[in-house]
Amino acid sequence: TGSTLLGILESRYPPFDPGRGQHFDAIVVLGGGIRAKGTLRP
């Protein structure tokens, strides 16, 4: 169930092929979460 539902979303865009000679003004990376420090995590 999980792999099929995610697969529908993941199949929307194929892997990026950098061999196509493309150039961009910027590469934009979106964050996906961070763990705050604490008494166990310095």
PDB file of all heavy atoms in Angstrom:
ATOM      1  N   THR A   1       0.828  -1.199   0.000  1.00  0.00           N
ATOM      2  CA  THR A   1       0.000   0.000   0.000  1.00  0.00           C
ATOM      3  C   THR A   1       0.870   1.260   0.000  1.00  0.00           C
ATOM      4  O   THR A   1       0.691   2.151  -0.843  1.00  0.00           O
ATOM      5  CB  THR A   1      -0.927   0.018   1.228  1.00  0.00           C
ATOM      6  OG1 THR A   1      -1.729  -1.167   1.233  1.00  0.00           O
ATOM      7  CG2 THR A   1      -1.831   1.246   1.201  1.00  0.00           C
ATOM      8  N   GLY A   2       1.803   1.328   0.937  1.00  0.00           N
ATOM      9  CA  GLY A   2       2.657   2.506   1.022  1.00  0.00           C
ATOM     10  C   GLY A   2       3.501   2.702  -0.221  1.00  0.00           C
ATOM     11  O   GLY A   2       3.608   3.818  -0.753  1.00  0.00           O
ATOM     12  N   SER A   3       4.113   1.618  -0.718  1.00  0.00           N
ATOM     13  CA  SER A   3       4.983   1.745  -1.890  1.00  0.00           C
ATOM     14  C   SER A   3       4.190   2.100  -3.142  1.00  0.00           C
ATOM     15  O   SER A   3       4.662   2.859  -3.996  1.00  0.00           O
ATOM     16  CB  SER A   3       5.771   0.449  -2.112  1.00  0.00           C
ATOM     17  OG  SER A   3       4.899  -0.642  -2.334  1.00  0.00           O
ATOM     18  N   THR A   4       2.962   1.579  -3.254  1.00  0.00           N
ATOM     19  CA  THR A   4       2.143   1.896  -4.428  1.00  0.00           C
ATOM     20  C   THR A   4       1.699   3.352  -4.413  1.00  0.00           C
ATOM     21  O   THR A   4       1.796   4.059  -5.429  1.00  0.00           O
ATOM     22  CB  THR A   4       0.910   0.975  -4.484  1.00  0.00           C
ATOM     23  OG1 THR A   4       1.333  -0.383  -4.601  1.00  0.00           O
ATOM     24  CG2 THR A   4       0.031   1.336  -5.676  1.00  0.00           C
ATOM     25  N   LEU A   5       1.213   3.819  -3.263  1.00  0.00           N
ATOM     26  CA  LEU A   5       0.770   5.215  -3.185  1.00  0.00           C
ATOM     27  C   LEU A   5       1.919   6.182  -3.415  1.00  0.00           C
ATOM     28  O   LEU A   5       1.788   7.170  -4.149  1.00  0.00           O
ATOM     29  CB  LEU A   5       0.125   5.473  -1.817  1.00  0.00           C
ATOM     30  CG  LEU A   5      -1.202   4.753  -1.551  1.00  0.00           C
ATOM     31  CD1 LEU A   5      -1.687   5.036  -0.136  1.00  0.00           C
ATOM     32  CD2 LEU A   5      -2.259   5.176  -2.567  1.00  0.00           C
ATOM     33  N   LEU A   6       3.075   5.910  -2.803  1.00  0.00           N
ATOM     34  CA  LEU A   6       4.231   6.772  -3.033  1.00  0.00           C
ATOM     35  C   LEU A   6       4.734   6.648  -4.468  1.00  0.00           C
ATOM     36  O   LEU A   6       5.184   7.623  -5.063  1.00  0.00           O
ATOM     37  CB  LEU A   6       5.363   6.413  -2.065  1.00  0.00           C
ATOM     38  CG  LEU A   6       5.404   7.145  -0.733  1.00  0.00           C
ATOM     39  CD1 LEU A   6       6.645   6.748   0.046  1.00  0.00           C
ATOM     40  CD2 LEU A   6       5.364   8.656  -0.894  1.00  0.00           C
ATOM     41  N   GLY A   7       4.631   5.430  -5.008  1.00  0.00           N
ATOM     42  CA  GLY A   7       5.084   5.223  -6.374  1.00  0.00           C
ATOM     43  C   GLY A   7       4.315   6.051  -7.389  1.00  0.00           C
ATOM     44  O   GLY A   7       4.874   6.501  -8.392  1.00  0.00           O
ATOM     45  N   ILE A   8       3.031   6.251  -7.136  1.00  0.00           N
ATOM     46  CA  ILE A   8       2.228   7.089  -8.036  1.00  0.00           C
ATOM     47  C   ILE A   8       2.787   8.514  -8.059  1.00  0.00           C
ATOM     48  O   ILE A   8       2.889   9.143  -9.123  1.00  0.00           O
ATOM     49  CB  ILE A   8       0.760   7.086  -7.586  1.00  0.00           C
ATOM     50  CG1 ILE A   8       0.156   5.690  -7.753  1.00  0.00           C
ATOM     51  CG2 ILE A   8      -0.053   8.111  -8.364  1.00  0.00           C
ATOM     52  CD1 ILE A   8      -1.225   5.539  -7.143  1.00  0.00           C
ATOM     53  N   LEU A   9       3.159   9.026  -6.891  1.00  0.00           N
ATOM     54  CA  LEU A   9       3.732  10.367  -6.811  1.00  0.00           C
ATOM     55  C   LEU A   9       5.146  10.404  -7.379  1.00  0.00           C
ATOM     56  O   LEU A   9       5.518  11.331  -8.104  1.00  0.00           O
ATOM     57  CB  LEU A   9       3.741  10.834  -5.355  1.00  0.00           C
ATOM     58  CG  LEU A   9       2.377  11.089  -4.707  1.00  0.00           C
ATOM     59  CD1 LEU A   9       2.523  11.252  -3.199  1.00  0.00           C
ATOM     60  CD2 LEU A   9       1.718  12.331  -5.304  1.00  0.00           C
ATOM     61  N   GLU A  10       5.954   9.396  -7.040  1.00  0.00           N
ATOM     62  CA  GLU A  10       7.344   9.399  -7.470  1.00  0.00           C
ATOM     63  C   GLU A  10       7.487   9.233  -8.982  1.00  0.00           C
ATOM     64  O   GLU A  10       8.462   9.705  -9.581  1.00  0.00           O
ATOM     65  CB  GLU A  10       8.108   8.281  -6.757  1.00  0.00           C
ATOM     66  CG  GLU A  10       8.316   8.533  -5.281  1.00  0.00           C
ATOM     67  CD  GLU A  10       9.204   7.489  -4.634  1.00  0.00           C
ATOM     68  OE1 GLU A  10       9.237   6.336  -5.117  1.00  0.00           O
ATOM     69  OE2 GLU A  10       9.865   7.829  -3.641  1.00  0.00           O
ATOM     70  N   SER A  11       6.529   8.561  -9.610  1.00  0.00           N
ATOM     71  CA  SER A  11       6.605   8.324 -11.049  1.00  0.00           C
ATOM     72  C   SER A  11       6.306   9.572 -11.872  1.00  0.00           C
ATOM     73  O   SER A  11       6.487   9.564 -13.095  1.00  0.00           O
ATOM     74  CB  SER A  11       5.641   7.204 -11.448  1.00  0.00           C
ATOM     75  OG  SER A  11       5.990   5.988 -10.822  1.00  0.00           O
ATOM     76  N   ARG A  12       5.852  10.628 -11.210  1.00  0.00           N
ATOM     77  CA  ARG A  12       5.485  11.854 -11.936  1.00  0.00           C
ATOM     78  C   ARG A  12       6.709  12.472 -12.619  1.00  0.00           C
ATOM     79  O   ARG A  12       6.607  12.984 -13.745  1.00  0.00           O
ATOM     80  CB  ARG A  12       4.863  12.843 -10.947  1.00  0.00           C
ATOM     81  CG  ARG A  12       4.492  14.182 -11.542  1.00  0.00           C
ATOM     82  CD  ARG A  12       3.253  14.105 -12.393  1.00  0.00           C
ATOM     83  NE  ARG A  12       2.905  15.397 -12.935  1.00  0.00           N
ATOM     84  CZ  ARG A  12       2.183  16.319 -12.289  1.00  0.00           C
ATOM     85  NH1 ARG A  12       1.710  16.041 -11.070  1.00  0.00           N
ATOM     86  NH2 ARG A  12       1.913  17.470 -12.848  1.00  0.00           N
ATOM     87  N   TYR A  13       7.867  12.409 -11.953  1.00  0.00           N
ATOM     88  CA  TYR A  13       9.076  13.016 -12.518  1.00  0.00           C
ATOM     89  C   TYR A  13      10.214  11.995 -12.532  1.00  0.00           C
ATOM     90  O   TYR A  13      10.530  11.413 -11.499  1.00  0.00           O
ATOM     91  CB  TYR A  13       9.494  14.246 -11.707  1.00  0.00           C
ATOM     92  CG  TYR A  13       8.487  15.377 -11.782  1.00  0.00           C
ATOM     93  CD1 TYR A  13       7.646  15.645 -10.711  1.00  0.00           C
ATOM     94  CD2 TYR A  13       8.370  16.148 -12.924  1.00  0.00           C
ATOM     95  CE1 TYR A  13       6.717  16.675 -10.780  1.00  0.00           C
ATOM     96  CE2 TYR A  13       7.431  17.175 -13.007  1.00  0.00           C
ATOM     97  CZ  TYR A  13       6.611  17.431 -11.931  1.00  0.00           C
ATOM     98  OH  TYR A  13       5.677  18.442 -11.999  1.00  0.00           O
ATOM     99  N   PRO A  14      10.836  11.800 -13.694  1.00  0.00           N
ATOM    100  CA  PRO A  14      11.943  10.842 -13.792  1.00  0.00           C
ATOM    101  C   PRO A  14      13.212  11.432 -13.173  1.00  0.00           C
ATOM    102  O   PRO A  14      13.283  12.636 -12.900  1.00  0.00           O
ATOM    103  CB  PRO A  14      12.104  10.666 -15.302  1.00  0.00           C
ATOM    104  CG  PRO A  14      11.660  11.985 -15.871  1.00  0.00           C
ATOM    105  CD  PRO A  14      10.535  12.450 -14.986  1.00  0.00           C
ATOM    106  N   PRO A  15      14.225  10.604 -12.955  1.00  0.00           N
ATOM    107  CA  PRO A  15      15.494  11.125 -12.447  1.00  0.00           C
ATOM    108  C   PRO A  15      16.060  12.210 -13.369  1.00  0.00           C
ATOM    109  O   PRO A  15      15.936  12.109 -14.595  1.00  0.00           O
ATOM    110  CB  PRO A  15      16.403   9.888 -12.419  1.00  0.00           C
ATOM    111  CG  PRO A  15      15.452   8.730 -12.312  1.00  0.00           C
ATOM    112  CD  PRO A  15      14.234   9.137 -13.084  1.00  0.00           C
ATOM    113  N   PHE A  16      16.656  13.209 -12.779  1.00  0.00           N
ATOM    114  CA  PHE A  16      17.239  14.303 -13.557  1.00  0.00           C
ATOM    115  C   PHE A  16      18.512  13.823 -14.229  1.00  0.00           C
ATOM    116  O   PHE A  16      19.367  13.194 -13.605  1.00  0.00           O
ATOM    117  CB  PHE A  16      17.546  15.489 -12.648  1.00  0.00           C
ATOM    118  CG  PHE A  16      18.285  16.604 -13.339  1.00  0.00           C
ATOM    119  CD1 PHE A  16      17.660  17.375 -14.307  1.00  0.00           C
ATOM    120  CD2 PHE A  16      19.605  16.857 -13.019  1.00  0.00           C
ATOM    121  CE1 PHE A  16      18.343  18.402 -14.951  1.00  0.00           C
ATOM    122  CE2 PHE A  16      20.300  17.884 -13.646  1.00  0.00           C
ATOM    123  CZ  PHE A  16      19.666  18.657 -14.614  1.00  0.00           C
ATOM    124  N   ASP A  17      18.634  14.124 -15.518  1.00  0.00           N
ATOM    125  CA  ASP A  17      19.805  13.735 -16.292  1.00  0.00           C
ATOM    126  C   ASP A  17      20.673  14.961 -16.533  1.00  0.00           C
ATOM    127  O   ASP A  17      20.367  15.789 -17.391  1.00  0.00           O
ATOM    128  CB  ASP A  17      19.373  13.122 -17.623  1.00  0.00           C
ATOM    129  CG  ASP A  17      20.553  12.693 -18.481  1.00  0.00           C
ATOM    130  OD1 ASP A  17      21.687  12.704 -17.963  1.00  0.00           O
ATOM    131  OD2 ASP A  17      20.341  12.351 -19.661  1.00  0.00           O
ATOM    132  N   PRO A  18      21.774  15.115 -15.792  1.00  0.00           N
ATOM    133  CA  PRO A  18      22.620  16.303 -15.951  1.00  0.00           C
ATOM    134  C   PRO A  18      23.420  16.295 -17.240  1.00  0.00           C
ATOM    135  O   PRO A  18      24.136  17.244 -17.528  1.00  0.00           O
ATOM    136  CB  PRO A  18      23.542  16.223 -14.732  1.00  0.00           C
ATOM    137  CG  PRO A  18      23.614  14.770 -14.407  1.00  0.00           C
ATOM    138  CD  PRO A  18      22.261  14.211 -14.746  1.00  0.00           C
ATOM    139  N   GLY A  19      23.296  15.237 -18.031  1.00  0.00           N
ATOM    140  CA  GLY A  19      24.056  15.171 -19.266  1.00  0.00           C
ATOM    141  C   GLY A  19      23.404  15.892 -20.423  1.00  0.00           C
ATOM    142  O   GLY A  19      23.870  15.810 -21.549  1.00  0.00           O
ATOM    143  N   ARG A  20      22.313  16.623 -20.140  1.00  0.00           N
ATOM    144  CA  ARG A  20      21.595  17.297 -21.218  1.00  0.00           C
ATOM    145  C   ARG A  20      22.159  18.675 -21.541  1.00  0.00           C
ATOM    146  O   ARG A  20      21.619  19.411 -22.340  1.00  0.00           O
ATOM    147  CB  ARG A  20      20.116  17.422 -20.847  1.00  0.00           C
ATOM    148  CG  ARG A  20      19.373  16.093 -20.898  1.00  0.00           C
ATOM    149  CD  ARG A  20      17.925  16.239 -20.495  1.00  0.00           C
ATOM    150  NE  ARG A  20      17.782  16.273 -19.042  1.00  0.00           N
ATOM    151  CZ  ARG A  20      16.624  16.351 -18.413  1.00  0.00           C
ATOM    152  NH1 ARG A  20      15.508  16.429 -19.112  1.00  0.00           N
ATOM    153  NH2 ARG A  20      16.568  16.357 -17.100  1.00  0.00           N
ATOM    154  N   GLY A  21      23.243  19.061 -20.894  1.00  0.00           N
ATOM    155  CA  GLY A  21      23.882  20.334 -21.185  1.00  0.00           C
ATOM    156  C   GLY A  21      23.135  21.542 -20.686  1.00  0.00           C
ATOM    157  O   GLY A  21      23.330  22.653 -21.174  1.00  0.00           O
ATOM    158  N   GLN A  22      22.294  21.359 -19.694  1.00  0.00           N
ATOM    159  CA  GLN A  22      21.515  22.472 -19.165  1.00  0.00           C
ATOM    160  C   GLN A  22      22.325  23.273 -18.149  1.00  0.00           C
ATOM    161  O   GLN A  22      23.230  22.750 -17.499  1.00  0.00           O
ATOM    162  CB  GLN A  22      20.235  21.956 -18.511  1.00  0.00           C
ATOM    163  CG  GLN A  22      19.251  21.341 -19.481  1.00  0.00           C
ATOM    164  CD  GLN A  22      18.062  20.734 -18.761  1.00  0.00           C
ATOM    165  OE1 GLN A  22      18.198  19.765 -18.035  1.00  0.00           O
ATOM    166  NE2 GLN A  22      16.881  21.304 -18.974  1.00  0.00           N
ATOM    167  N   HIS A  23      21.961  24.541 -18.034  1.00  0.00           N
ATOM    168  CA  HIS A  23      22.593  25.414 -17.042  1.00  0.00           C
ATOM    169  C   HIS A  23      21.490  26.280 -16.434  1.00  0.00           C
ATOM    170  O   HIS A  23      20.557  26.694 -17.118  1.00  0.00           O
ATOM    171  CB  HIS A  23      23.664  26.297 -17.680  1.00  0.00           C
ATOM    172  CG  HIS A  23      24.503  27.011 -16.674  1.00  0.00           C
ATOM    173  ND1 HIS A  23      25.516  26.399 -15.971  1.00  0.00           N
ATOM    174  CD2 HIS A  23      24.470  28.295 -16.230  1.00  0.00           C
ATOM    175  CE1 HIS A  23      26.075  27.268 -15.140  1.00  0.00           C
ATOM    176  NE2 HIS A  23      25.456  28.426 -15.284  1.00  0.00           N
ATOM    177  N   PHE A  24      21.614  26.558 -15.142  1.00  0.00           N
ATOM    178  CA  PHE A  24      20.581  27.270 -14.403  1.00  0.00           C
ATOM    179  C   PHE A  24      21.181  28.441 -13.635  1.00  0.00           C
ATOM    180  O   PHE A  24      22.383  28.476 -13.376  1.00  0.00           O
ATOM    181  CB  PHE A  24      19.883  26.313 -13.428  1.00  0.00           C
ATOM    182  CG  PHE A  24      19.343  25.069 -14.079  1.00  0.00           C
ATOM    183  CD1 PHE A  24      20.143  23.935 -14.213  1.00  0.00           C
ATOM    184  CD2 PHE A  24      18.062  25.036 -14.590  1.00  0.00           C
ATOM    185  CE1 PHE A  24      19.660  22.789 -14.815  1.00  0.00           C
ATOM    186  CE2 PHE A  24      17.566  23.904 -15.195  1.00  0.00           C
ATOM    187  CZ  PHE A  24      18.367  22.771 -15.320  1.00  0.00           C
ATOM    188  N   ASP A  25      20.311  29.372 -13.285  1.00  0.00           N
ATOM    189  CA  ASP A  25      20.758  30.495 -12.461  1.00  0.00           C
ATOM    190  C   ASP A  25      21.009  30.065 -11.019  1.00  0.00           C
ATOM    191  O   ASP A  25      21.868  30.627 -10.329  1.00  0.00           O
ATOM    192  CB  ASP A  25      19.716  31.621 -12.471  1.00  0.00           C
ATOM    193  CG  ASP A  25      19.545  32.236 -13.849  1.00  0.00           C
ATOM    194  OD1 ASP A  25      20.554  32.357 -14.561  1.00  0.00           O
ATOM    195  OD2 ASP A  25      18.402  32.586 -14.202  1.00  0.00           O
ATOM    196  N   ALA A  26      20.240  29.074 -10.557  1.00  0.00           N
ATOM    197  CA  ALA A  26      20.394  28.614  -9.174  1.00  0.00           C
ATOM    198  C   ALA A  26      19.856  27.195  -9.024  1.00  0.00           C
ATOM    199  O   ALA A  26      18.946  26.778  -9.748  1.00  0.00           O
ATOM    200  CB  ALA A  26      19.670  29.544  -8.209  1.00  0.00           C
ATOM    201  N   ILE A  27      20.437  26.475  -8.083  1.00  0.00           N
ATOM    202  CA  ILE A  27      19.907  25.189  -7.636  1.00  0.00           C
ATOM    203  C   ILE A  27      19.206  25.452  -6.311  1.00  0.00           C
ATOM    204  O   ILE A  27      19.817  25.971  -5.375  1.00  0.00           O
ATOM    205  CB  ILE A  27      21.028  24.155  -7.445  1.00  0.00           C
ATOM    206  CG1 ILE A  27      21.736  23.893  -8.778  1.00  0.00           C
ATOM    207  CG2 ILE A  27      20.474  22.859  -6.860  1.00  0.00           C
ATOM    208  CD1 ILE A  27      23.039  23.121  -8.633  1.00  0.00           C
ATOM    209  N   VAL A  28      17.923  25.136  -6.234  1.00  0.00           N
ATOM    210  CA  VAL A  28      17.127  25.396  -5.032  1.00  0.00           C
ATOM    211  C   VAL A  28      16.852  24.071  -4.324  1.00  0.00           C
ATOM    212  O   VAL A  28      16.291  23.152  -4.922  1.00  0.00           O
ATOM    213  CB  VAL A  28      15.802  26.102  -5.382  1.00  0.00           C
ATOM    214  CG1 VAL A  28      14.948  26.297  -4.122  1.00  0.00           C
ATOM    215  CG2 VAL A  28      16.075  27.441  -6.056  1.00  0.00           C
ATOM    216  N   VAL A  29      17.253  23.987  -3.061  1.00  0.00           N
ATOM    217  CA  VAL A  29      17.068  22.777  -2.258  1.00  0.00           C
ATOM    218  C   VAL A  29      16.071  23.078  -1.143  1.00  0.00           C
ATOM    219  O   VAL A  29      16.250  24.034  -0.386  1.00  0.00           O
ATOM    220  CB  VAL A  29      18.396  22.291  -1.652  1.00  0.00           C
ATOM    221  CG1 VAL A  29      18.180  21.006  -0.859  1.00  0.00           C
ATOM    222  CG2 VAL A  29      19.447  22.083  -2.730  1.00  0.00           C
ATOM    223  N   LEU A  30      15.040  22.264  -1.025  1.00  0.00           N
ATOM    224  CA  LEU A  30      14.023  22.448   0.009  1.00  0.00           C
ATOM    225  C   LEU A  30      14.335  21.579   1.227  1.00  0.00           C
ATOM    226  O   LEU A  30      14.621  20.395   1.096  1.00  0.00           O
ATOM    227  CB  LEU A  30      12.641  22.084  -0.534  1.00  0.00           C
ATOM    228  CG  LEU A  30      12.217  22.779  -1.830  1.00  0.00           C
ATOM    229  CD1 LEU A  30      10.766  22.433  -2.156  1.00  0.00           C
ATOM    230  CD2 LEU A  30      12.402  24.287  -1.747  1.00  0.00           C
ATOM    231  N   GLY A  31      14.263  22.193   2.400  1.00  0.00           N
ATOM    232  CA  GLY A  31      14.518  21.465   3.637  1.00  0.00           C
ATOM    233  C   GLY A  31      13.435  20.438   3.921  1.00  0.00           C
ATOM    234  O   GLY A  31      12.304  20.548   3.443  1.00  0.00           O
ATOM    235  N   GLY A  32      13.800  19.441   4.737  1.00  0.00           N
ATOM    236  CA  GLY A  32      12.843  18.385   5.052  1.00  0.00           C
ATOM    237  C   GLY A  32      12.801  18.026   6.519  1.00  0.00           C
ATOM    238  O   GLY A  32      12.325  16.954   6.878  1.00  0.00           O
ATOM    239  N   GLY A  33      13.276  18.929   7.383  1.00  0.00           N
ATOM    240  CA  GLY A  33      13.202  18.683   8.814  1.00  0.00           C
ATOM    241  C   GLY A  33      14.550  18.812   9.505  1.00  0.00           C
ATOM    242  O   GLY A  33      15.609  18.599   8.896  1.00  0.00           O
ATOM    243  N   ILE A  34      14.499  19.201  10.771  1.00  0.00           N
ATOM    244  CA  ILE A  34      15.710  19.358  11.575  1.00  0.00           C
ATOM    245  C   ILE A  34      15.406  18.924  13.006  1.00  0.00           C
ATOM    246  O   ILE A  34      14.277  19.073  13.480  1.00  0.00           O
ATOM    247  CB  ILE A  34      16.214  20.817  11.540  1.00  0.00           C
ATOM    248  CG1 ILE A  34      17.585  20.942  12.204  1.00  0.00           C
ATOM    249  CG2 ILE A  34      15.207  21.782  12.161  1.00  0.00           C
ATOM    250  CD1 ILE A  34      18.247  22.298  11.987  1.00  0.00           C
ATOM    251  N   ARG A  35      16.403  18.368  13.676  1.00  0.00           N
ATOM    252  CA  ARG A  35      16.258  17.924  15.062  1.00  0.00           C
ATOM    253  C   ARG A  35      16.979  18.918  15.969  1.00  0.00           C
ATOM    254  O   ARG A  35      18.185  19.152  15.811  1.00  0.00           O
ATOM    255  CB  ARG A  35      16.839  16.524  15.244  1.00  0.00           C
ATOM    256  CG  ARG A  35      16.274  15.478  14.290  1.00  0.00           C
ATOM    257  CD  ARG A  35      16.852  14.111  14.597  1.00  0.00           C
ATOM    258  NE  ARG A  35      16.423  13.117  13.606  1.00  0.00           N
ATOM    259  CZ  ARG A  35      17.185  12.674  12.614  1.00  0.00           C
ATOM    260  NH1 ARG A  35      18.423  13.152  12.472  1.00  0.00           N
ATOM    261  NH2 ARG A  35      16.733  11.773  11.767  1.00  0.00           N
ATOM    262  N   ALA A  36      16.252  19.469  16.921  1.00  0.00           N
ATOM    263  CA  ALA A  36      16.836  20.470  17.815  1.00  0.00           C
ATOM    264  C   ALA A  36      17.753  19.809  18.841  1.00  0.00           C
ATOM    265  O   ALA A  36      17.552  18.662  19.246  1.00  0.00           O
ATOM    266  CB  ALA A  36      15.733  21.249  18.529  1.00  0.00           C
ATOM    267  N   LYS A  37      18.767  20.552  19.271  1.00  0.00           N
ATOM    268  CA  LYS A  37      19.708  20.039  20.272  1.00  0.00           C
ATOM    269  C   LYS A  37      19.022  19.937  21.633  1.00  0.00           C
ATOM    270  O   LYS A  37      18.022  20.593  21.914  1.00  0.00           O
ATOM    271  CB  LYS A  37      20.919  20.960  20.371  1.00  0.00           C
ATOM    272  CG  LYS A  37      20.614  22.375  20.837  1.00  0.00           C
ATOM    273  CD  LYS A  37      21.883  23.219  20.845  1.00  0.00           C
ATOM    274  CE  LYS A  37      21.586  24.655  21.278  1.00  0.00           C
ATOM    275  NZ  LYS A  37      22.809  25.500  21.266  1.00  0.00           N
ATOM    276  N   GLY A  38      19.590  19.089  22.498  1.00  0.00           N
ATOM    277  CA  GLY A  38      19.046  18.897  23.839  1.00  0.00           C
ATOM    278  C   GLY A  38      20.090  18.293  24.743  1.00  0.00           C
ATOM    279  O   GLY A  38      21.293  18.334  24.445  1.00  0.00           O
ATOM    280  N   THR A  39      19.667  17.709  25.843  1.00  0.00           N
ATOM    281  CA  THR A  39      20.617  17.173  26.806  1.00  0.00           C
ATOM    282  C   THR A  39      21.323  15.923  26.285  1.00  0.00           C
ATOM    283  O   THR A  39      22.414  15.584  26.753  1.00  0.00           O
ATOM    284  CB  THR A  39      19.904  16.837  28.125  1.00  0.00           C
ATOM    285  OG1 THR A  39      18.824  15.935  27.865  1.00  0.00           O
ATOM    286  CG2 THR A  39      19.353  18.108  28.777  1.00  0.00           C
ATOM    287  N   LEU A  40      20.722  15.209  25.332  1.00  0.00           N
ATOM    288  CA  LEU A  40      21.381  14.058  24.717  1.00  0.00           C
ATOM    289  C   LEU A  40      21.975  14.398  23.358  1.00  0.00           C
ATOM    290  O   LEU A  40      22.937  13.763  22.925  1.00  0.00           O
ATOM    291  CB  LEU A  40      20.383  12.901  24.555  1.00  0.00           C
ATOM    292  CG  LEU A  40      19.925  12.212  25.842  1.00  0.00           C
ATOM    293  CD1 LEU A  40      18.903  11.131  25.522  1.00  0.00           C
ATOM    294  CD2 LEU A  40      21.114  11.593  26.575  1.00  0.00           C
ATOM    295  N   ARG A  41      21.397  15.376  22.667  1.00  0.00           N
ATOM    296  CA  ARG A  41      21.881  15.782  21.349  1.00  0.00           C
ATOM    297  C   ARG A  41      22.595  17.121  21.499  1.00  0.00           C
ATOM    298  O   ARG A  41      21.947  18.160  21.666  1.00  0.00           O
ATOM    299  CB  ARG A  41      20.705  15.888  20.377  1.00  0.00           C
ATOM    300  CG  ARG A  41      21.112  16.122  18.931  1.00  0.00           C
ATOM    301  CD  ARG A  41      19.899  16.253  18.021  1.00  0.00           C
ATOM    302  NE  ARG A  41      19.082  15.050  18.034  1.00  0.00           N
ATOM    303  CZ  ARG A  41      17.793  15.028  18.328  1.00  0.00           C
ATOM    304  NH1 ARG A  41      17.158  16.154  18.637  1.00  0.00           N
ATOM    305  NH2 ARG A  41      17.125  13.903  18.320  1.00  0.00           N
ATOM    306  N   PRO A  42      23.915  17.156  21.431  1.00  0.00           N
ATOM    307  CA  PRO A  42      24.650  18.381  21.753  1.00  0.00           C
ATOM    308  C   PRO A  42      24.489  19.514  20.748  1.00  0.00           C
ATOM    309  O   PRO A  42      24.688  20.678  21.089  1.00  0.00           O
ATOM    310  CB  PRO A  42      26.108  17.908  21.820  1.00  0.00           C
ATOM    311  CG  PRO A  42      26.151  16.678  20.972  1.00  0.00           C
ATOM    312  CD  PRO A  42      24.815  16.026  21.129  1.00  0.00           C
TER     313      PRO A  42
END
